[in-house]
C-alpha atoms as a PDB file:
ATOM      1  CA  MET A   1    -119.064 -51.156  75.741  1.00  0.00           C
ATOM      2  CA  LYS A   2    -118.718 -48.271  78.164  1.00  0.00           C
ATOM      3  CA  PRO A   3    -118.761 -44.703  76.701  1.00  0.00           C
ATOM      4  CA  ARG A   4    -115.084 -44.050  77.525  1.00  0.00           C
ATOM      5  CA  ALA A   5    -114.028 -47.371  75.951  1.00  0.00           C
ATOM      6  CA  LEU A   6    -116.164 -46.605  72.893  1.00  0.00           C
ATOM      7  CA  SER A   7    -114.524 -43.194  72.582  1.00  0.00           C
ATOM      8  CA  SER A   8    -111.041 -44.780  72.716  1.00  0.00           C
ATOM      9  CA  ALA A   9    -111.981 -47.345  70.089  1.00  0.00           C
ATOM     10  CA  LEU A  10    -113.283 -44.661  67.747  1.00  0.00           C
ATOM     11  CA  ALA A  11    -110.086 -42.646  68.208  1.00  0.00           C
ATOM     12  CA  ALA A  12    -108.005 -45.687  67.286  1.00  0.00           C
ATOM     13  CA  LEU A  13    -110.072 -46.274  64.156  1.00  0.00           C
ATOM     14  CA  LEU A  14    -109.670 -42.653  63.138  1.00  0.00           C
ATOM     15  CA  LEU A  15    -105.893 -42.919  63.504  1.00  0.00           C
ATOM     16  CA  LEU A  16    -105.874 -46.026  61.306  1.00  0.00           C
ATOM     17  CA  ALA A  17    -107.972 -44.276  58.690  1.00  0.00           C
ATOM     18  CA  ALA A  18    -105.589 -41.338  58.637  1.00  0.00           C
ATOM     19  CA  ALA A  19    -102.569 -43.546  57.916  1.00  0.00           C
ATOM     20  CA  PRO A  20    -101.617 -43.950  54.203  1.00  0.00           C
ATOM     21  CA  PHE A  21    -103.340 -46.965  52.677  1.00  0.00           C
ATOM     22  CA  GLY A  22    -101.231 -50.100  52.341  1.00  0.00           C
ATOM     23  CA  ARG A  23     -98.073 -48.815  54.060  1.00  0.00           C
ATOM     24  CA  SER A  24     -96.765 -47.467  57.321  1.00  0.00           C
ATOM     25  CA  ALA A  25     -97.336 -43.793  58.042  1.00  0.00           C
ATOM     26  CA  GLU A  26     -93.581 -43.437  58.589  1.00  0.00           C
ATOM     27  CA  PRO A  27     -91.294 -43.763  55.533  1.00  0.00           C
ATOM     28  CA  PRO A  28     -88.715 -46.566  55.654  1.00  0.00           C
ATOM     29  CA  PRO A  29     -85.200 -45.587  56.709  1.00  0.00           C
ATOM     30  CA  SER A  30     -83.082 -44.206  53.891  1.00  0.00           C
ATOM     31  CA  THR A  31     -80.469 -46.480  52.356  1.00  0.00           C
ATOM     32  CA  GLY A  32     -78.514 -43.513  51.004  1.00  0.00           C
ATOM     33  CA  LEU A  33     -78.406 -41.984  47.533  1.00  0.00           C
ATOM     34  CA  LYS A  34     -77.328 -44.295  44.721  1.00  0.00           C
ATOM     35  CA  LEU A  35     -74.773 -43.073  42.190  1.00  0.00           C
ATOM     36  CA  GLY A  36     -74.460 -44.613  38.734  1.00  0.00           C
ATOM     37  CA  VAL A  37     -72.941 -43.631  35.421  1.00  0.00           C
ATOM     38  CA  HIS A  38     -74.670 -43.054  32.104  1.00  0.00           C
ATOM     39  CA  SER A  39     -73.130 -44.583  29.013  1.00  0.00           C
ATOM     40  CA  TRP A  40     -73.604 -41.317  27.081  1.00  0.00           C
ATOM     41  CA  THR A  41     -70.657 -40.136  29.173  1.00  0.00           C
ATOM     42  CA  LEU A  42     -68.753 -43.139  27.777  1.00  0.00           C
ATOM     43  CA  ARG A  43     -69.832 -42.636  24.178  1.00  0.00           C
ATOM     44  CA  ASN A  44     -66.310 -43.013  22.823  1.00  0.00           C
ATOM     45  CA  LEU A  45     -66.171 -46.549  24.222  1.00  0.00           C
ATOM     46  CA  LYS A  46     -67.694 -49.729  22.858  1.00  0.00           C
ATOM     47  CA  PHE A  47     -70.291 -51.576  24.938  1.00  0.00           C
ATOM     48  CA  GLU A  48     -67.771 -54.017  26.407  1.00  0.00           C
ATOM     49  CA  GLN A  49     -65.419 -51.152  27.260  1.00  0.00           C
ATOM     50  CA  ALA A  50     -68.217 -49.160  28.897  1.00  0.00           C
ATOM     51  CA  VAL A  51     -69.096 -52.117  31.115  1.00  0.00           C
ATOM     52  CA  ASP A  52     -65.431 -52.569  32.056  1.00  0.00           C
ATOM     53  CA  PHE A  53     -65.168 -48.831  32.797  1.00  0.00           C
ATOM     54  CA  ALA A  54     -68.162 -48.971  35.140  1.00  0.00           C
ATOM     55  CA  LYS A  55     -66.711 -51.966  36.976  1.00  0.00           C
ATOM     56  CA  THR A  56     -63.214 -50.464  37.222  1.00  0.00           C
ATOM     57  CA  HIS A  57     -64.597 -47.226  38.676  1.00  0.00           C
ATOM     58  CA  GLY A  58     -66.727 -48.980  41.256  1.00  0.00           C
ATOM     59  CA  PHE A  59     -70.194 -48.493  39.769  1.00  0.00           C
ATOM     60  CA  LYS A  60     -72.920 -51.084  40.180  1.00  0.00           C
ATOM     61  CA  ARG A  61     -75.506 -49.275  38.032  1.00  0.00           C
ATOM     62  CA  LEU A  62     -75.176 -48.263  34.397  1.00  0.00           C
ATOM     63  CA  GLY A  63     -77.722 -46.285  32.380  1.00  0.00           C
ATOM     64  CA  LEU A  64     -77.519 -47.559  28.807  1.00  0.00           C
ATOM     65  CA  SER A  65     -77.551 -45.229  25.841  1.00  0.00           C
ATOM     66  CA  PHE A  66     -75.138 -44.761  22.990  1.00  0.00           C
ATOM     67  CA  GLN A  67     -73.833 -48.350  22.779  1.00  0.00           C
ATOM     68  CA  PHE A  68     -77.240 -49.957  23.360  1.00  0.00           C
ATOM     69  CA  ASP A  69     -79.910 -50.411  20.694  1.00  0.00           C
ATOM     70  CA  PRO A  70     -83.252 -51.460  22.242  1.00  0.00           C
ATOM     71  CA  ARG A  71     -84.360 -52.675  18.805  1.00  0.00           C
ATOM     72  CA  ALA A  72     -81.307 -54.907  18.318  1.00  0.00           C
ATOM     73  CA  PRO A  73     -81.751 -58.656  17.682  1.00  0.00           C
ATOM     74  CA  ARG A  74     -82.648 -60.750  20.718  1.00  0.00           C
ATOM     75  CA  GLU A  75     -79.300 -62.578  20.616  1.00  0.00           C
ATOM     76  CA  THR A  76     -77.400 -59.272  20.830  1.00  0.00           C
ATOM     77  CA  LEU A  77     -79.469 -58.084  23.775  1.00  0.00           C
ATOM     78  CA  LEU A  78     -79.027 -61.357  25.644  1.00  0.00           C
ATOM     79  CA  ARG A  79     -75.281 -61.253  25.049  1.00  0.00           C
ATOM     80  CA  GLN A  80     -75.132 -57.730  26.489  1.00  0.00           C
ATOM     81  CA  LYS A  81     -77.304 -58.757  29.426  1.00  0.00           C
ATOM     82  CA  ALA A  82     -74.959 -61.647  30.186  1.00  0.00           C
ATOM     83  CA  LEU A  83     -71.890 -59.398  30.018  1.00  0.00           C
ATOM     84  CA  LEU A  84     -73.453 -56.974  32.494  1.00  0.00           C
ATOM     85  CA  ALA A  85     -74.271 -59.817  34.890  1.00  0.00           C
ATOM     86  CA  GLU A  86     -70.777 -61.307  34.619  1.00  0.00           C
ATOM     87  CA  ASN A  87     -69.305 -57.995  35.714  1.00  0.00           C
ATOM     88  CA  GLY A  88     -71.748 -57.354  38.533  1.00  0.00           C
ATOM     89  CA  ILE A  89     -73.262 -54.350  36.740  1.00  0.00           C
ATOM     90  CA  GLU A  90     -76.989 -53.619  36.606  1.00  0.00           C
ATOM     91  CA  GLY A  91     -78.090 -52.034  33.351  1.00  0.00           C
ATOM     92  CA  TYR A  92     -80.988 -50.431  35.150  1.00  0.00           C
ATOM     93  CA  THR A  93     -82.509 -48.453  32.260  1.00  0.00           C
ATOM     94  CA  PHE A  94     -81.968 -47.345  28.675  1.00  0.00           C
ATOM     95  CA  GLY A  95     -82.618 -44.119  26.825  1.00  0.00           C
ATOM     96  CA  VAL A  96     -83.278 -41.533  25.765  1.00  0.00           C
ATOM     97  CA  ALA A  97     -85.114 -44.020  23.521  1.00  0.00           C
ATOM     98  CA  GLY A  98     -86.915 -42.984  20.367  1.00  0.00           C
ATOM     99  CA  THR A  99     -90.699 -43.297  20.368  1.00  0.00           C
ATOM    100  CA  SER A 100     -93.256 -43.488  17.599  1.00  0.00           C
ATOM    101  CA  LEU A 101     -96.928 -42.947  16.792  1.00  0.00           C
ATOM    102  CA  ASP A 102     -96.900 -46.674  15.953  1.00  0.00           C
ATOM    103  CA  LYS A 103     -97.854 -48.515  19.132  1.00  0.00           C
ATOM    104  CA  GLU A 104     -96.160 -51.736  18.061  1.00  0.00           C
ATOM    105  CA  GLU A 105     -92.893 -49.875  17.554  1.00  0.00           C
ATOM    106  CA  ASN A 106     -93.181 -48.551  21.097  1.00  0.00           C
ATOM    107  CA  ARG A 107     -94.018 -52.057  22.312  1.00  0.00           C
ATOM    108  CA  ARG A 108     -90.549 -53.153  21.238  1.00  0.00           C
ATOM    109  CA  LEU A 109     -89.068 -50.870  23.886  1.00  0.00           C
ATOM    110  CA  PHE A 110     -91.113 -52.578  26.592  1.00  0.00           C
ATOM    111  CA  GLU A 111     -90.271 -56.043  25.273  1.00  0.00           C
ATOM    112  CA  THR A 112     -86.590 -55.129  25.437  1.00  0.00           C
ATOM    113  CA  ALA A 113     -86.912 -53.785  28.984  1.00  0.00           C
ATOM    114  CA  LYS A 114     -88.691 -56.992  30.008  1.00  0.00           C
ATOM    115  CA  LEU A 115     -85.990 -59.131  28.368  1.00  0.00           C
ATOM    116  CA  MET A 116     -83.216 -57.155  30.068  1.00  0.00           C
ATOM    117  CA  GLY A 117     -84.921 -57.253  33.472  1.00  0.00           C
ATOM    118  CA  MET A 118     -85.374 -53.468  33.573  1.00  0.00           C
ATOM    119  CA  SER A 119     -88.266 -51.671  35.233  1.00  0.00           C
ATOM    120  CA  LEU A 120     -87.633 -48.243  33.692  1.00  0.00           C
ATOM    121  CA  ILE A 121     -87.444 -46.742  30.197  1.00  0.00           C
ATOM    122  CA  VAL A 122     -86.343 -43.156  29.475  1.00  0.00           C
ATOM    123  CA  VAL A 123     -87.977 -41.373  26.546  1.00  0.00           C
ATOM    124  CA  GLU A 124     -88.601 -37.885  25.155  1.00  0.00           C
ATOM    125  CA  PRO A 125     -91.661 -38.122  22.861  1.00  0.00           C
ATOM    126  CA  LYS A 126     -91.785 -35.677  19.972  1.00  0.00           C
ATOM    127  CA  ASP A 127     -95.574 -35.801  19.826  1.00  0.00           C
ATOM    128  CA  PHE A 128     -97.936 -35.509  22.799  1.00  0.00           C
ATOM    129  CA  LYS A 129    -100.229 -38.113  21.181  1.00  0.00           C
ATOM    130  CA  ILE A 130     -97.641 -40.782  22.017  1.00  0.00           C
ATOM    131  CA  PHE A 131     -98.440 -40.522  25.729  1.00  0.00           C
ATOM    132  CA  ASP A 132    -101.684 -42.465  25.334  1.00  0.00           C
ATOM    133  CA  GLN A 133     -99.746 -45.426  23.946  1.00  0.00           C
ATOM    134  CA  LEU A 134     -96.948 -45.173  26.509  1.00  0.00           C
ATOM    135  CA  GLU A 135     -99.474 -45.138  29.320  1.00  0.00           C
ATOM    136  CA  GLU A 136    -101.267 -48.222  28.001  1.00  0.00           C
ATOM    137  CA  LEU A 137     -97.989 -50.104  27.559  1.00  0.00           C
ATOM    138  CA  ALA A 138     -96.653 -49.039  30.960  1.00  0.00           C
ATOM    139  CA  VAL A 139     -99.766 -50.490  32.598  1.00  0.00           C
ATOM    140  CA  GLU A 140     -99.704 -53.641  30.450  1.00  0.00           C
ATOM    141  CA  TYR A 141     -96.044 -54.421  31.198  1.00  0.00           C
ATOM    142  CA  ASP A 142     -95.898 -52.803  34.652  1.00  0.00           C
ATOM    143  CA  ILE A 143     -92.774 -50.935  33.547  1.00  0.00           C
ATOM    144  CA  ARG A 144     -92.227 -47.279  34.393  1.00  0.00           C
ATOM    145  CA  VAL A 145     -91.581 -44.595  31.790  1.00  0.00           C
ATOM    146  CA  ALA A 146     -89.544 -41.478  32.591  1.00  0.00           C
ATOM    147  CA  VAL A 147     -89.682 -38.438  30.297  1.00  0.00           C
ATOM    148  CA  HIS A 148     -86.373 -36.628  29.808  1.00  0.00           C
ATOM    149  CA  ASN A 149     -85.917 -32.859  29.418  1.00  0.00           C
ATOM    150  CA  HIS A 150     -83.487 -30.889  27.291  1.00  0.00           C
ATOM    151  CA  GLY A 151     -83.186 -27.104  26.929  1.00  0.00           C
ATOM    152  CA  ILE A 152     -85.913 -24.515  27.297  1.00  0.00           C
ATOM    153  CA  ARG A 153     -86.726 -24.704  23.577  1.00  0.00           C
ATOM    154  CA  SER A 154     -87.446 -28.444  23.761  1.00  0.00           C
ATOM    155  CA  LEU A 155     -90.956 -29.769  24.409  1.00  0.00           C
ATOM    156  CA  TYR A 156     -90.273 -30.462  28.072  1.00  0.00           C
ATOM    157  CA  GLY A 157     -87.762 -27.692  28.767  1.00  0.00           C
ATOM    158  CA  ASN A 158     -90.307 -26.000  31.030  1.00  0.00           C
ATOM    159  CA  PRO A 159     -91.107 -28.455  33.867  1.00  0.00           C
ATOM    160  CA  ALA A 160     -94.694 -27.185  34.023  1.00  0.00           C
ATOM    161  CA  VAL A 161     -95.405 -28.775  30.617  1.00  0.00           C
ATOM    162  CA  LEU A 162     -94.591 -32.291  31.748  1.00  0.00           C
ATOM    163  CA  LYS A 163     -96.211 -31.789  35.128  1.00  0.00           C
ATOM    164  CA  ASN A 164     -99.499 -30.950  33.386  1.00  0.00           C
ATOM    165  CA  ILE A 165     -99.157 -33.963  31.074  1.00  0.00           C
ATOM    166  CA  LEU A 166     -98.573 -36.362  33.965  1.00  0.00           C
ATOM    167  CA  MET A 167    -101.199 -34.896  36.282  1.00  0.00           C
ATOM    168  CA  HIS A 168    -104.019 -37.254  35.333  1.00  0.00           C
ATOM    169  CA  ARG A 169    -102.003 -40.183  33.996  1.00  0.00           C
ATOM    170  CA  ASP A 170    -100.990 -43.480  35.544  1.00  0.00           C
ATOM    171  CA  ARG A 171     -98.300 -43.204  38.228  1.00  0.00           C
ATOM    172  CA  ARG A 172     -96.016 -45.419  36.135  1.00  0.00           C
ATOM    173  CA  LEU A 173     -95.398 -42.371  33.936  1.00  0.00           C
ATOM    174  CA  GLY A 174     -92.915 -39.929  35.397  1.00  0.00           C
ATOM    175  CA  VAL A 175     -89.760 -37.873  34.945  1.00  0.00           C
ATOM    176  CA  CYS A 176     -86.104 -38.325  34.097  1.00  0.00           C
ATOM    177  CA  LEU A 177     -84.719 -35.096  35.522  1.00  0.00           C
ATOM    178  CA  ASP A 178     -81.647 -33.863  33.665  1.00  0.00           C
ATOM    179  CA  VAL A 179     -80.118 -31.511  36.216  1.00  0.00           C
ATOM    180  CA  GLY A 180     -77.827 -29.724  33.768  1.00  0.00           C
ATOM    181  CA  TRP A 181     -80.517 -28.967  31.247  1.00  0.00           C
ATOM    182  CA  VAL A 182     -83.107 -27.866  33.788  1.00  0.00           C
ATOM    183  CA  THR A 183     -80.480 -25.482  35.181  1.00  0.00           C
ATOM    184  CA  ALA A 184     -79.666 -24.205  31.696  1.00  0.00           C
ATOM    185  CA  ALA A 185     -83.379 -23.516  31.199  1.00  0.00           C
ATOM    186  CA  GLY A 186     -83.317 -21.211  34.220  1.00  0.00           C
ATOM    187  CA  PHE A 187     -84.902 -23.440  36.860  1.00  0.00           C
ATOM    188  CA  ASP A 188     -83.747 -24.565  40.298  1.00  0.00           C
ATOM    189  CA  ALA A 189     -83.257 -28.353  40.229  1.00  0.00           C
ATOM    190  CA  ALA A 190     -84.197 -28.780  43.904  1.00  0.00           C
ATOM    191  CA  LYS A 191     -87.452 -26.866  43.478  1.00  0.00           C
ATOM    192  CA  VAL A 192     -88.287 -28.714  40.266  1.00  0.00           C
ATOM    193  CA  PHE A 193     -87.734 -32.091  41.934  1.00  0.00           C
ATOM    194  CA  ARG A 194     -89.959 -31.108  44.851  1.00  0.00           C
ATOM    195  CA  GLU A 195     -92.751 -29.799  42.636  1.00  0.00           C
ATOM    196  CA  TYR A 196     -92.900 -33.005  40.610  1.00  0.00           C
ATOM    197  CA  GLU A 197     -94.302 -34.529  43.823  1.00  0.00           C
ATOM    198  CA  GLY A 198     -92.826 -38.018  43.676  1.00  0.00           C
ATOM    199  CA  ARG A 199     -92.886 -38.428  39.907  1.00  0.00           C
ATOM    200  CA  VAL A 200     -89.092 -38.240  39.367  1.00  0.00           C
ATOM    201  CA  PHE A 201     -87.899 -41.787  38.616  1.00  0.00           C
ATOM    202  CA  ASP A 202     -84.398 -41.119  37.297  1.00  0.00           C
ATOM    203  CA  ILE A 203     -81.838 -38.305  37.434  1.00  0.00           C
ATOM    204  CA  HIS A 204     -79.114 -37.458  34.925  1.00  0.00           C
ATOM    205  CA  LEU A 205     -76.557 -35.785  37.140  1.00  0.00           C
ATOM    206  CA  LYS A 206     -74.734 -33.147  35.155  1.00  0.00           C
ATOM    207  CA  ASP A 207     -73.801 -29.525  35.807  1.00  0.00           C
ATOM    208  CA  LYS A 208     -73.730 -26.502  33.518  1.00  0.00           C
ATOM    209  CA  LYS A 209     -72.352 -22.981  33.783  1.00  0.00           C
ATOM    210  CA  VAL A 210     -74.932 -20.505  32.518  1.00  0.00           C
ATOM    211  CA  GLU A 211     -73.703 -17.188  31.124  1.00  0.00           C
ATOM    212  CA  PRO A 212     -75.602 -14.244  29.585  1.00  0.00           C
ATOM    213  CA  GLY A 213     -75.852 -14.452  25.811  1.00  0.00           C
ATOM    214  CA  VAL A 214     -77.343 -12.659  22.856  1.00  0.00           C
ATOM    215  CA  GLY A 215     -81.091 -13.297  23.074  1.00  0.00           C
ATOM    216  CA  GLU A 216     -80.828 -16.089  25.627  1.00  0.00           C
ATOM    217  CA  PRO A 217     -78.289 -17.495  28.121  1.00  0.00           C
ATOM    218  CA  VAL A 218     -75.494 -19.768  26.955  1.00  0.00           C
ATOM    219  CA  ALA A 219     -74.855 -22.971  28.914  1.00  0.00           C
ATOM    220  CA  ALA A 220     -71.746 -25.138  28.886  1.00  0.00           C
ATOM    221  CA  ASP A 221     -70.992 -28.337  30.770  1.00  0.00           C
ATOM    222  CA  THR A 222     -68.685 -28.143  33.765  1.00  0.00           C
ATOM    223  CA  HIS A 223     -67.370 -30.707  36.193  1.00  0.00           C
ATOM    224  CA  ILE A 224     -70.023 -31.661  38.731  1.00  0.00           C
ATOM    225  CA  GLY A 225     -70.237 -28.965  41.399  1.00  0.00           C
ATOM    226  CA  GLN A 226     -68.547 -26.239  39.342  1.00  0.00           C
ATOM    227  CA  GLY A 227     -71.624 -24.963  37.504  1.00  0.00           C
ATOM    228  CA  ASN A 228     -74.866 -23.255  38.472  1.00  0.00           C
ATOM    229  CA  ALA A 229     -76.916 -26.334  39.384  1.00  0.00           C
ATOM    230  CA  ASN A 230     -78.304 -26.242  42.930  1.00  0.00           C
ATOM    231  CA  LEU A 231     -76.844 -29.610  43.835  1.00  0.00           C
ATOM    232  CA  THR A 232     -76.767 -28.958  47.580  1.00  0.00           C
ATOM    233  CA  GLY A 233     -80.484 -28.199  47.569  1.00  0.00           C
ATOM    234  CA  LEU A 234     -81.218 -31.153  45.304  1.00  0.00           C
ATOM    235  CA  PHE A 235     -79.342 -33.624  47.515  1.00  0.00           C
ATOM    236  CA  ALA A 236     -81.254 -32.303  50.524  1.00  0.00           C
ATOM    237  CA  GLU A 237     -84.590 -32.766  48.728  1.00  0.00           C
ATOM    238  CA  LEU A 238     -83.670 -36.299  47.668  1.00  0.00           C
ATOM    239  CA  LYS A 239     -82.743 -37.202  51.225  1.00  0.00           C
ATOM    240  CA  LYS A 240     -85.936 -35.660  52.587  1.00  0.00           C
ATOM    241  CA  ALA A 241     -88.018 -37.648  50.106  1.00  0.00           C
ATOM    242  CA  ASN A 242     -86.090 -40.878  50.800  1.00  0.00           C
ATOM    243  CA  TRP A 243     -85.629 -41.055  47.032  1.00  0.00           C
ATOM    244  CA  GLN A 244     -84.768 -44.540  45.819  1.00  0.00           C
ATOM    245  CA  GLY A 245     -83.732 -43.837  42.233  1.00  0.00           C
ATOM    246  CA  THR A 246     -80.289 -43.504  40.653  1.00  0.00           C
ATOM    247  CA  LEU A 247     -78.274 -40.354  40.035  1.00  0.00           C
ATOM    248  CA  SER A 248     -76.560 -41.243  36.765  1.00  0.00           C
ATOM    249  CA  LEU A 249     -73.396 -39.227  36.050  1.00  0.00           C
ATOM    250  CA  GLU A 250     -73.592 -37.677  32.606  1.00  0.00           C
ATOM    251  CA  THR A 251     -71.940 -35.024  30.486  1.00  0.00           C
ATOM    252  CA  ASP A 252     -72.671 -33.522  27.089  1.00  0.00           C
ATOM    253  CA  SER A 253     -69.120 -32.176  26.831  1.00  0.00           C
ATOM    254  CA  GLN A 254     -67.069 -33.680  24.016  1.00  0.00           C
ATOM    255  CA  VAL A 255     -63.915 -32.694  25.907  1.00  0.00           C
ATOM    256  CA  PHE A 256     -64.956 -34.529  29.077  1.00  0.00           C
ATOM    257  CA  ALA A 257     -66.068 -37.528  27.022  1.00  0.00           C
ATOM    258  CA  GLN A 258     -62.551 -37.801  25.608  1.00  0.00           C
ATOM    259  CA  ASN A 259     -61.313 -38.446  29.138  1.00  0.00           C
ATOM    260  CA  PRO A 260     -64.309 -39.808  31.044  1.00  0.00           C
ATOM    261  CA  ALA A 261     -62.145 -41.163  33.873  1.00  0.00           C
ATOM    262  CA  GLU A 262     -61.173 -37.675  35.025  1.00  0.00           C
ATOM    263  CA  PHE A 263     -64.761 -36.413  34.791  1.00  0.00           C
ATOM    264  CA  VAL A 264     -66.165 -39.409  36.656  1.00  0.00           C
ATOM    265  CA  ASP A 265     -63.495 -39.478  39.375  1.00  0.00           C
ATOM    266  CA  LEU A 266     -63.978 -35.782  40.161  1.00  0.00           C
ATOM    267  CA  ALA A 267     -67.757 -36.237  40.145  1.00  0.00           C
ATOM    268  CA  LYS A 268     -67.575 -39.188  42.541  1.00  0.00           C
ATOM    269  CA  ALA A 269     -65.345 -37.236  44.889  1.00  0.00           C
ATOM    270  CA  TYR A 270     -67.794 -34.313  44.877  1.00  0.00           C
ATOM    271  CA  PHE A 271     -70.740 -36.625  45.465  1.00  0.00           C
ATOM    272  CA  GLU A 272     -69.087 -38.475  48.347  1.00  0.00           C
ATOM    273  CA  LYS A 273     -68.194 -35.181  50.019  1.00  0.00           C
ATOM    274  CA  ASN A 274     -71.455 -33.326  49.497  1.00  0.00           C
ATOM    275  CA  ALA A 275     -74.305 -35.815  49.173  1.00  0.00           C
ATOM    276  CA  PRO A 276     -76.088 -36.577  52.472  1.00  0.00           C
END
């Protein structure tokens, strides 16, 4: 081979080596952000009513919570799975699910996810020792686990805590980012998403108004887009990352939960107007 040809060949090899292993260097085109609804928002409804609500309001994805017991008998779970399928609804995850120091108790969550055809479980472990078990089970079942956050006083209220926990663990362990609670804790949701560096698997889309209080700020749920959450920045970050998860509409407000249709309709309108 002539020197110039050799030089060209080496350059080509170097370009191949620089490309990410196993995939194209360019990310696939975005299919748009996916909006779902979380059944905690529908907590005053029975399971069948929650499924009907999701269908009536045009949702294809439902995060299961209040009406769904992952430790229920197999027959109950299969009946719920069938009802979801009949209505064209994907129950794509469940949680926040309780975890235990007993590995076999945690295994039941993964067995349920497998039975339901889900690839994601949302948890909020009360003991850091549980992560060893969750990691082992996530690898065994090839099912992802997303850790949810509540307020600043909760274990994962400061995003840095979970980021340090996940740093050296299997990539099937990640984050369920509750936008309202991370805002209430004093953090910018867009920045938090970015700094988790691809580990956010699920998003609970809620908004909170944060006001000064005695000792610490006081946060209250608002309609989506009327609180302090940096939703514009978050949507931009999601688009930039070509994020493929689900933004699941959720509220902690008892008032909104009494009339979830109004809350959901206003949230959908905001999303359709402002999400990229």
